Amino acid sequence: MLAFFGDFSVSLNEMIVLAQQDFGLQIFREVEILASWRIWKHRNAIIFYGAFDGAALSLDRWKQSFKDEFGLVLHRVKPSVKHE
């Protein structure tokens, strides 16, 4: 499960470093970038295609698209990193 609970008493940069330490895997940057990318794509779908595509703000839809895309990312990851 992907979850992030930030300490809002620290700066954004410190939050990212703490999240990376908590995550504990080498592929943190890829997960961070992919999550941001899927949020951006979900936002654009709502804004540009919402009335036609049935797109609506949905955490479940975002999570499913993240999982689908992350499965593709895992194909590029070295086996030694994948099974950490």
PDB file of N, CA and C in Angstrom:
ATOM      1  N   MET A   1       0.836  -1.179   0.000  1.00  0.00           N
ATOM      2  CA  MET A   1       0.000   0.000   0.000  1.00  0.00           C
ATOM      3  C   MET A   1       0.874   1.233   0.000  1.00  0.00           C
ATOM      4  N   LEU A   2       0.492   2.200  -0.765  1.00  0.00           N
ATOM      5  CA  LEU A   2       1.209   3.450  -0.851  1.00  0.00           C
ATOM      6  C   LEU A   2       0.565   4.431   0.101  1.00  0.00           C
ATOM      7  N   ALA A   3       1.322   4.899   1.057  1.00  0.00           N
ATOM      8  CA  ALA A   3       0.796   5.863   2.022  1.00  0.00           C
ATOM      9  C   ALA A   3       1.907   6.830   2.400  1.00  0.00           C
ATOM     10  N   PHE A   4       1.529   8.049   2.663  1.00  0.00           N
ATOM     11  CA  PHE A   4       2.494   9.039   3.091  1.00  0.00           C
ATOM     12  C   PHE A   4       1.830   9.937   4.118  1.00  0.00           C
ATOM     13  N   PHE A   5       2.433  10.001   5.265  1.00  0.00           N
ATOM     14  CA  PHE A   5       1.952  10.876   6.319  1.00  0.00           C
ATOM     15  C   PHE A   5       3.090  11.816   6.650  1.00  0.00           C
ATOM     16  N   GLY A   6       2.971  13.063   6.237  1.00  0.00           N
ATOM     17  CA  GLY A   6       4.057  14.018   6.394  1.00  0.00           C
ATOM     18  C   GLY A   6       4.075  14.690   7.750  1.00  0.00           C
ATOM     19  N   ASP A   7       5.262  15.093   8.148  1.00  0.00           N
ATOM     20  CA  ASP A   7       5.457  15.901   9.341  1.00  0.00           C
ATOM     21  C   ASP A   7       5.444  17.345   8.876  1.00  0.00           C
ATOM     22  N   PHE A   8       4.343  18.034   9.078  1.00  0.00           N
ATOM     23  CA  PHE A   8       4.178  19.378   8.541  1.00  0.00           C
ATOM     24  C   PHE A   8       4.939  20.436   9.323  1.00  0.00           C
ATOM     25  N   SER A   9       5.712  20.022  10.328  1.00  0.00           N
ATOM     26  CA  SER A   9       6.531  20.978  11.066  1.00  0.00           C
ATOM     27  C   SER A   9       7.903  21.151  10.414  1.00  0.00           C
ATOM     28  N   VAL A  10       8.188  20.381   9.369  1.00  0.00           N
ATOM     29  CA  VAL A  10       9.467  20.490   8.668  1.00  0.00           C
ATOM     30  C   VAL A  10       9.223  20.990   7.244  1.00  0.00           C
ATOM     31  N   SER A  11      10.311  21.377   6.576  1.00  0.00           N
ATOM     32  CA  SER A  11      10.187  21.887   5.205  1.00  0.00           C
ATOM     33  C   SER A  11       9.826  20.753   4.249  1.00  0.00           C
ATOM     34  N   LEU A  12       9.391  21.111   3.051  1.00  0.00           N
ATOM     35  CA  LEU A  12       9.027  20.131   2.029  1.00  0.00           C
ATOM     36  C   LEU A  12      10.211  19.235   1.688  1.00  0.00           C
ATOM     37  N   ASN A  13      11.403  19.827   1.551  1.00  0.00           N
ATOM     38  CA  ASN A  13      12.596  19.025   1.241  1.00  0.00           C
ATOM     39  C   ASN A  13      12.878  18.006   2.338  1.00  0.00           C
ATOM     40  N   GLU A  14      12.746  18.418   3.587  1.00  0.00           N
ATOM     41  CA  GLU A  14      12.959  17.494   4.696  1.00  0.00           C
ATOM     42  C   GLU A  14      11.893  16.397   4.703  1.00  0.00           C
ATOM     43  N   MET A  15      10.658  16.755   4.355  1.00  0.00           N
ATOM     44  CA  MET A  15       9.590  15.750   4.274  1.00  0.00           C
ATOM     45  C   MET A  15       9.919  14.690   3.235  1.00  0.00           C
ATOM     46  N   ILE A  16      10.453  15.113   2.105  1.00  0.00           N
ATOM     47  CA  ILE A  16      10.800  14.171   1.044  1.00  0.00           C
ATOM     48  C   ILE A  16      11.923  13.244   1.499  1.00  0.00           C
ATOM     49  N   VAL A  17      12.926  13.805   2.165  1.00  0.00           N
ATOM     50  CA  VAL A  17      14.033  12.980   2.665  1.00  0.00           C
ATOM     51  C   VAL A  17      13.520  11.976   3.697  1.00  0.00           C
ATOM     52  N   LEU A  18      12.658  12.418   4.601  1.00  0.00           N
ATOM     53  CA  LEU A  18      12.092  11.515   5.610  1.00  0.00           C
ATOM     54  C   LEU A  18      11.249  10.419   4.958  1.00  0.00           C
ATOM     55  N   ALA A  19      10.471  10.787   3.937  1.00  0.00           N
ATOM     56  CA  ALA A  19       9.659   9.794   3.232  1.00  0.00           C
ATOM     57  C   ALA A  19      10.548   8.768   2.547  1.00  0.00           C
ATOM     58  N   GLN A  20      11.657   9.237   1.957  1.00  0.00           N
ATOM     59  CA  GLN A  20      12.584   8.327   1.294  1.00  0.00           C
ATOM     60  C   GLN A  20      13.208   7.369   2.302  1.00  0.00           C
ATOM     61  N   GLN A  21      13.567   7.860   3.464  1.00  0.00           N
ATOM     62  CA  GLN A  21      14.140   6.996   4.501  1.00  0.00           C
ATOM     63  C   GLN A  21      13.111   5.981   4.990  1.00  0.00           C
ATOM     64  N   ASP A  22      11.869   6.413   5.168  1.00  0.00           N
ATOM     65  CA  ASP A  22      10.813   5.509   5.603  1.00  0.00           C
ATOM     66  C   ASP A  22      10.502   4.454   4.546  1.00  0.00           C
ATOM     67  N   PHE A  23      10.551   4.854   3.276  1.00  0.00           N
ATOM     68  CA  PHE A  23      10.244   3.943   2.174  1.00  0.00           C
ATOM     69  C   PHE A  23      11.268   2.822   2.120  1.00  0.00           C
ATOM     70  N   GLY A  24      12.554   3.189   2.201  1.00  0.00           N
ATOM     71  CA  GLY A  24      13.612   2.208   2.341  1.00  0.00           C
ATOM     72  C   GLY A  24      14.039   1.453   1.097  1.00  0.00           C
ATOM     73  N   LEU A  25      13.484   1.745  -0.057  1.00  0.00           N
ATOM     74  CA  LEU A  25      13.881   1.045  -1.284  1.00  0.00           C
ATOM     75  C   LEU A  25      14.577   2.004  -2.236  1.00  0.00           C
ATOM     76  N   GLN A  26      15.414   1.453  -3.118  1.00  0.00           N
ATOM     77  CA  GLN A  26      16.148   2.286  -4.070  1.00  0.00           C
ATOM     78  C   GLN A  26      15.245   2.941  -5.112  1.00  0.00           C
ATOM     79  N   ILE A  27      14.059   2.422  -5.309  1.00  0.00           N
ATOM     80  CA  ILE A  27      13.194   2.935  -6.380  1.00  0.00           C
ATOM     81  C   ILE A  27      12.257   4.042  -5.891  1.00  0.00           C
ATOM     82  N   PHE A  28      12.585   4.662  -4.762  1.00  0.00           N
ATOM     83  CA  PHE A  28      11.731   5.722  -4.216  1.00  0.00           C
ATOM     84  C   PHE A  28      11.495   6.831  -5.231  1.00  0.00           C
ATOM     85  N   ARG A  29      12.548   7.286  -5.897  1.00  0.00           N
ATOM     86  CA  ARG A  29      12.427   8.401  -6.845  1.00  0.00           C
ATOM     87  C   ARG A  29      11.456   8.046  -7.965  1.00  0.00           C
ATOM     88  N   GLU A  30      11.527   6.828  -8.472  1.00  0.00           N
ATOM     89  CA  GLU A  30      10.616   6.402  -9.527  1.00  0.00           C
ATOM     90  C   GLU A  30       9.170   6.401  -9.038  1.00  0.00           C
ATOM     91  N   VAL A  31       8.957   5.940  -7.824  1.00  0.00           N
ATOM     92  CA  VAL A  31       7.604   5.923  -7.247  1.00  0.00           C
ATOM     93  C   VAL A  31       7.095   7.345  -7.078  1.00  0.00           C
ATOM     94  N   GLU A  32       7.955   8.223  -6.581  1.00  0.00           N
ATOM     95  CA  GLU A  32       7.578   9.622  -6.372  1.00  0.00           C
ATOM     96  C   GLU A  32       7.210  10.304  -7.696  1.00  0.00           C
ATOM     97  N   ILE A  33       8.030  10.106  -8.700  1.00  0.00           N
ATOM     98  CA  ILE A  33       7.773  10.719 -10.008  1.00  0.00           C
ATOM     99  C   ILE A  33       6.509  10.141 -10.637  1.00  0.00           C
ATOM    100  N   LEU A  34       6.351   8.830 -10.570  1.00  0.00           N
ATOM    101  CA  LEU A  34       5.178   8.188 -11.152  1.00  0.00           C
ATOM    102  C   LEU A  34       3.889   8.625 -10.456  1.00  0.00           C
ATOM    103  N   ALA A  35       3.910   8.715  -9.136  1.00  0.00           N
ATOM    104  CA  ALA A  35       2.723   9.166  -8.402  1.00  0.00           C
ATOM    105  C   ALA A  35       2.355  10.582  -8.818  1.00  0.00           C
ATOM    106  N   SER A  36       3.350  11.454  -8.931  1.00  0.00           N
ATOM    107  CA  SER A  36       3.095  12.835  -9.356  1.00  0.00           C
ATOM    108  C   SER A  36       2.551  12.887 -10.783  1.00  0.00           C
ATOM    109  N   TRP A  37       3.142  12.070 -11.652  1.00  0.00           N
ATOM    110  CA  TRP A  37       2.695  12.022 -13.046  1.00  0.00           C
ATOM    111  C   TRP A  37       1.238  11.554 -13.146  1.00  0.00           C
ATOM    112  N   ARG A  38       0.869  10.532 -12.382  1.00  0.00           N
ATOM    113  CA  ARG A  38      -0.501  10.020 -12.428  1.00  0.00           C
ATOM    114  C   ARG A  38      -1.488  11.038 -11.851  1.00  0.00           C
ATOM    115  N   ILE A  39      -1.078  11.794 -10.834  1.00  0.00           N
ATOM    116  CA  ILE A  39      -1.934  12.873 -10.322  1.00  0.00           C
ATOM    117  C   ILE A  39      -2.163  13.905 -11.408  1.00  0.00           C
ATOM    118  N   TRP A  40      -1.082  14.277 -12.113  1.00  0.00           N
ATOM    119  CA  TRP A  40      -1.181  15.263 -13.198  1.00  0.00           C
ATOM    120  C   TRP A  40      -2.108  14.760 -14.313  1.00  0.00           C
ATOM    121  N   LYS A  41      -1.942  13.495 -14.709  1.00  0.00           N
ATOM    122  CA  LYS A  41      -2.774  12.934 -15.768  1.00  0.00           C
ATOM    123  C   LYS A  41      -4.242  12.846 -15.335  1.00  0.00           C
ATOM    124  N   HIS A  42      -4.467  12.480 -14.075  1.00  0.00           N
ATOM    125  CA  HIS A  42      -5.832  12.388 -13.552  1.00  0.00           C
ATOM    126  C   HIS A  42      -6.478  13.771 -13.539  1.00  0.00           C
ATOM    127  N   ARG A  43      -5.724  14.766 -13.110  1.00  0.00           N
ATOM    128  CA  ARG A  43      -6.217  16.152 -13.097  1.00  0.00           C
ATOM    129  C   ARG A  43      -6.591  16.601 -14.512  1.00  0.00           C
ATOM    130  N   ASN A  44      -5.702  16.322 -15.478  1.00  0.00           N
ATOM    131  CA  ASN A  44      -5.985  16.728 -16.854  1.00  0.00           C
ATOM    132  C   ASN A  44      -7.208  16.013 -17.412  1.00  0.00           C
ATOM    133  N   ALA A  45      -7.375  14.749 -17.074  1.00  0.00           N
ATOM    134  CA  ALA A  45      -8.553  14.012 -17.545  1.00  0.00           C
ATOM    135  C   ALA A  45      -9.826  14.654 -17.014  1.00  0.00           C
ATOM    136  N   ILE A  46      -9.799  15.090 -15.763  1.00  0.00           N
ATOM    137  CA  ILE A  46     -10.978  15.734 -15.174  1.00  0.00           C
ATOM    138  C   ILE A  46     -11.255  17.072 -15.849  1.00  0.00           C
ATOM    139  N   ILE A  47     -10.208  17.865 -16.035  1.00  0.00           N
ATOM    140  CA  ILE A  47     -10.381  19.209 -16.600  1.00  0.00           C
ATOM    141  C   ILE A  47     -10.768  19.161 -18.072  1.00  0.00           C
ATOM    142  N   PHE A  48     -10.050  18.361 -18.870  1.00  0.00           N
ATOM    143  CA  PHE A  48     -10.232  18.408 -20.317  1.00  0.00           C
ATOM    144  C   PHE A  48     -11.247  17.414 -20.867  1.00  0.00           C
ATOM    145  N   TYR A  49     -11.460  16.301 -20.168  1.00  0.00           N
ATOM    146  CA  TYR A  49     -12.347  15.284 -20.708  1.00  0.00           C
ATOM    147  C   TYR A  49     -13.482  14.908 -19.771  1.00  0.00           C
ATOM    148  N   GLY A  50     -13.592  15.581 -18.655  1.00  0.00           N
ATOM    149  CA  GLY A  50     -14.547  15.208 -17.622  1.00  0.00           C
ATOM    150  C   GLY A  50     -15.976  15.038 -18.107  1.00  0.00           C
ATOM    151  N   ALA A  51     -16.457  15.977 -18.878  1.00  0.00           N
ATOM    152  CA  ALA A  51     -17.851  15.928 -19.321  1.00  0.00           C
ATOM    153  C   ALA A  51     -18.074  14.816 -20.348  1.00  0.00           C
ATOM    154  N   PHE A  52     -17.034  14.432 -21.075  1.00  0.00           N
ATOM    155  CA  PHE A  52     -17.194  13.470 -22.151  1.00  0.00           C
ATOM    156  C   PHE A  52     -16.770  12.060 -21.745  1.00  0.00           C
ATOM    157  N   ASP A  53     -15.776  11.972 -20.890  1.00  0.00           N
ATOM    158  CA  ASP A  53     -15.160  10.692 -20.552  1.00  0.00           C
ATOM    159  C   ASP A  53     -15.697  10.115 -19.245  1.00  0.00           C
ATOM    160  N   GLY A  54     -16.518  10.859 -18.551  1.00  0.00           N
ATOM    161  CA  GLY A  54     -16.996  10.399 -17.260  1.00  0.00           C
ATOM    162  C   GLY A  54     -15.934  10.503 -16.178  1.00  0.00           C
ATOM    163  N   ALA A  55     -14.846  11.250 -16.456  1.00  0.00           N
ATOM    164  CA  ALA A  55     -13.769  11.398 -15.481  1.00  0.00           C
ATOM    165  C   ALA A  55     -14.266  12.224 -14.300  1.00  0.00           C
ATOM    166  N   ALA A  56     -13.947  11.773 -13.132  1.00  0.00           N
ATOM    167  CA  ALA A  56     -14.292  12.493 -11.912  1.00  0.00           C
ATOM    168  C   ALA A  56     -13.173  12.265 -10.910  1.00  0.00           C
ATOM    169  N   LEU A  57     -13.085  13.133  -9.942  1.00  0.00           N
ATOM    170  CA  LEU A  57     -12.076  13.000  -8.905  1.00  0.00           C
ATOM    171  C   LEU A  57     -12.300  11.687  -8.170  1.00  0.00           C
ATOM    172  N   SER A  58     -11.313  10.800  -8.238  1.00  0.00           N
ATOM    173  CA  SER A  58     -11.479   9.478  -7.659  1.00  0.00           C
ATOM    174  C   SER A  58     -10.133   8.934  -7.205  1.00  0.00           C
ATOM    175  N   LEU A  59      -9.986   8.715  -5.909  1.00  0.00           N
ATOM    176  CA  LEU A  59      -8.754   8.135  -5.392  1.00  0.00           C
ATOM    177  C   LEU A  59      -8.588   6.708  -5.910  1.00  0.00           C
ATOM    178  N   ASP A  60      -9.686   5.977  -6.004  1.00  0.00           N
ATOM    179  CA  ASP A  60      -9.606   4.601  -6.519  1.00  0.00           C
ATOM    180  C   ASP A  60      -9.129   4.566  -7.968  1.00  0.00           C
ATOM    181  N   ARG A  61      -9.622   5.474  -8.788  1.00  0.00           N
ATOM    182  CA  ARG A  61      -9.191   5.521 -10.189  1.00  0.00           C
ATOM    183  C   ARG A  61      -7.717   5.886 -10.275  1.00  0.00           C
ATOM    184  N   TRP A  62      -7.286   6.848  -9.443  1.00  0.00           N
ATOM    185  CA  TRP A  62      -5.874   7.230  -9.428  1.00  0.00           C
ATOM    186  C   TRP A  62      -5.011   6.050  -8.992  1.00  0.00           C
ATOM    187  N   LYS A  63      -5.404   5.351  -7.918  1.00  0.00           N
ATOM    188  CA  LYS A  63      -4.618   4.218  -7.429  1.00  0.00           C
ATOM    189  C   LYS A  63      -4.515   3.126  -8.481  1.00  0.00           C
ATOM    190  N   GLN A  64      -5.603   2.847  -9.183  1.00  0.00           N
ATOM    191  CA  GLN A  64      -5.569   1.816 -10.217  1.00  0.00           C
ATOM    192  C   GLN A  64      -4.645   2.212 -11.361  1.00  0.00           C
ATOM    193  N   SER A  65      -4.699   3.467 -11.782  1.00  0.00           N
ATOM    194  CA  SER A  65      -3.816   3.908 -12.868  1.00  0.00           C
ATOM    195  C   SER A  65      -2.359   3.883 -12.406  1.00  0.00           C
ATOM    196  N   PHE A  66      -2.109   4.219 -11.127  1.00  0.00           N
ATOM    197  CA  PHE A  66      -0.756   4.159 -10.586  1.00  0.00           C
ATOM    198  C   PHE A  66      -0.246   2.709 -10.594  1.00  0.00           C
ATOM    199  N   LYS A  67      -1.081   1.783 -10.141  1.00  0.00           N
ATOM    200  CA  LYS A  67      -0.684   0.370 -10.109  1.00  0.00           C
ATOM    201  C   LYS A  67      -0.398  -0.150 -11.515  1.00  0.00           C
ATOM    202  N   ASP A  68      -1.260   0.202 -12.463  1.00  0.00           N
ATOM    203  CA  ASP A  68      -1.062  -0.247 -13.846  1.00  0.00           C
ATOM    204  C   ASP A  68       0.266   0.263 -14.393  1.00  0.00           C
ATOM    205  N   GLU A  69       0.523   1.548 -14.201  1.00  0.00           N
ATOM    206  CA  GLU A  69       1.753   2.161 -14.701  1.00  0.00           C
ATOM    207  C   GLU A  69       2.977   1.632 -13.945  1.00  0.00           C
ATOM    208  N   PHE A  70       2.842   1.404 -12.645  1.00  0.00           N
ATOM    209  CA  PHE A  70       3.957   0.904 -11.852  1.00  0.00           C
ATOM    210  C   PHE A  70       4.339  -0.508 -12.294  1.00  0.00           C
ATOM    211  N   GLY A  71       3.369  -1.285 -12.711  1.00  0.00           N
ATOM    212  CA  GLY A  71       3.663  -2.608 -13.253  1.00  0.00           C
ATOM    213  C   GLY A  71       4.573  -2.517 -14.467  1.00  0.00           C
ATOM    214  N   LEU A  72       4.375  -1.490 -15.293  1.00  0.00           N
ATOM    215  CA  LEU A  72       5.248  -1.287 -16.447  1.00  0.00           C
ATOM    216  C   LEU A  72       6.644  -0.855 -16.010  1.00  0.00           C
ATOM    217  N   VAL A  73       6.722  -0.029 -14.987  1.00  0.00           N
ATOM    218  CA  VAL A  73       8.024   0.407 -14.468  1.00  0.00           C
ATOM    219  C   VAL A  73       8.814  -0.787 -13.944  1.00  0.00           C
ATOM    220  N   LEU A  74       8.135  -1.715 -13.294  1.00  0.00           N
ATOM    221  CA  LEU A  74       8.823  -2.875 -12.723  1.00  0.00           C
ATOM    222  C   LEU A  74       9.504  -3.736 -13.786  1.00  0.00           C
ATOM    223  N   HIS A  75       9.039  -3.666 -15.016  1.00  0.00           N
ATOM    224  CA  HIS A  75       9.685  -4.424 -16.089  1.00  0.00           C
ATOM    225  C   HIS A  75      11.094  -3.910 -16.367  1.00  0.00           C
ATOM    226  N   ARG A  76      11.342  -2.635 -16.056  1.00  0.00           N
ATOM    227  CA  ARG A  76      12.647  -2.027 -16.314  1.00  0.00           C
ATOM    228  C   ARG A  76      13.610  -2.151 -15.140  1.00  0.00           C
ATOM    229  N   VAL A  77      13.104  -2.537 -13.977  1.00  0.00           N
ATOM    230  CA  VAL A  77      13.916  -2.580 -12.764  1.00  0.00           C
ATOM    231  C   VAL A  77      14.757  -3.851 -12.731  1.00  0.00           C
ATOM    232  N   LYS A  78      16.000  -3.706 -12.280  1.00  0.00           N
ATOM    233  CA  LYS A  78      16.867  -4.874 -12.123  1.00  0.00           C
ATOM    234  C   LYS A  78      16.259  -5.832 -11.106  1.00  0.00           C
ATOM    235  N   PRO A  79      16.380  -7.127 -11.331  1.00  0.00           N
ATOM    236  CA  PRO A  79      15.820  -8.102 -10.391  1.00  0.00           C
ATOM    237  C   PRO A  79      16.344  -7.924  -8.966  1.00  0.00           C
ATOM    238  N   SER A  80      17.604  -7.525  -8.813  1.00  0.00           N
ATOM    239  CA  SER A  80      18.150  -7.349  -7.465  1.00  0.00           C
ATOM    240  C   SER A  80      17.455  -6.215  -6.727  1.00  0.00           C
ATOM    241  N   VAL A  81      17.015  -5.196  -7.429  1.00  0.00           N
ATOM    242  CA  VAL A  81      16.316  -4.071  -6.810  1.00  0.00           C
ATOM    243  C   VAL A  81      14.836  -4.425  -6.586  1.00  0.00           C
ATOM    244  N   LYS A  82      14.279  -5.165  -7.512  1.00  0.00           N
ATOM    245  CA  LYS A  82      12.861  -5.522  -7.458  1.00  0.00           C
ATOM    246  C   LYS A  82      12.510  -6.355  -6.243  1.00  0.00           C
ATOM    247  N   HIS A  83      13.429  -7.179  -5.782  1.00  0.00           N
ATOM    248  CA  HIS A  83      13.146  -8.103  -4.689  1.00  0.00           C
ATOM    249  C   HIS A  83      13.794  -7.694  -3.377  1.00  0.00           C
ATOM    250  N   GLU A  84      14.003  -6.403  -3.174  1.00  0.00           N
ATOM    251  CA  GLU A  84      14.579  -5.916  -1.921  1.00  0.00           C
ATOM    252  C   GLU A  84      13.654  -6.166  -0.772  1.00  0.00           C
TER     253      GLU A  84
END
